[in-house]
């Protein structure tokens, strides 16, 4: 590692047992890949370099037990710095740190911590205190872990409250949506009922109009079948006189006269009068002729 990037430098040459000293190497970045290839190096010294930040994959070096990052220019630590769960000793003296990541609370094995000479947040600076001796540095580790755990718990509670609020908001939206859908269904149901009632009224009106039309048509038909003069009193038909009826009347009158004359000549005292004698004689001749004619018909029928 070159001195600026750390590439070209043999880390094995720097390894002494389980200690790897990369201090004063003018490093601008950490050779994470090379360090991951040396799991024996549980103690890593990166002090007195030009490190401004640590790469996110630095937190994969979970074999680290002791880490010295003092006297660099670190402005922040990776968000998942808490993955270094085996870390017991951490030196961050003289950097540019203001806060620590919340995941710092997961460093449950941390026993020693130095945060002096950093522009720390006043609350965090008060919690960390000084690290002038072993006892103070151990107390700093305990207090900072407790502080970060409290922050983590508060964030968890805030996150839970936020999730709860979101769930309640979602439930409220769902309830509003259900209410809206129910209102829309009720509206559609009412519109359907109104439409059905309107169609029923139209049907009843059409049926009534049809019945009225049928009654009117039937009435007109009855009036049409009656004669135009039905309102006037009927008069017997007048028959025109005919010649046959006149002749018949004359014949009937003559026959009546004959019968009357015959009756008078037969039944009254007028039978001895010359006219009645002639009438009676004529009557007897006619009767004899008719009898002869009847006898002849009987003989003919018997012979045939």
Foldseek 3Di string as FASTA:
>chain_A
DQLAAPPPDDQVVQDDQQATEPAPSQYQADPQVNLCVCLSNQAYEHDHYAYQAYDPCNLVSLSHAEYEHAHYAHAAYDLQVLSNQNHAYYEHHQYAYADYHLSLLNNVNHQFYADPNYNYPVVLCVQQDHPPDRVSRRSSSVSNSVVSVVVVVVVVVVVVVVVVVVVVVVVVVVVVVVVVVVVVVVVVVVVVVVVVVVVVVVVVVVVVVVVVVVVVVVVVVVVVPDDPCPVPDDDDDDDDDDPVVVVVVVVVVVVVVLVVLQCCLPPHPCVPPPVNVVSVVVVVVVVVVVVVVVVVVVVVVVVD
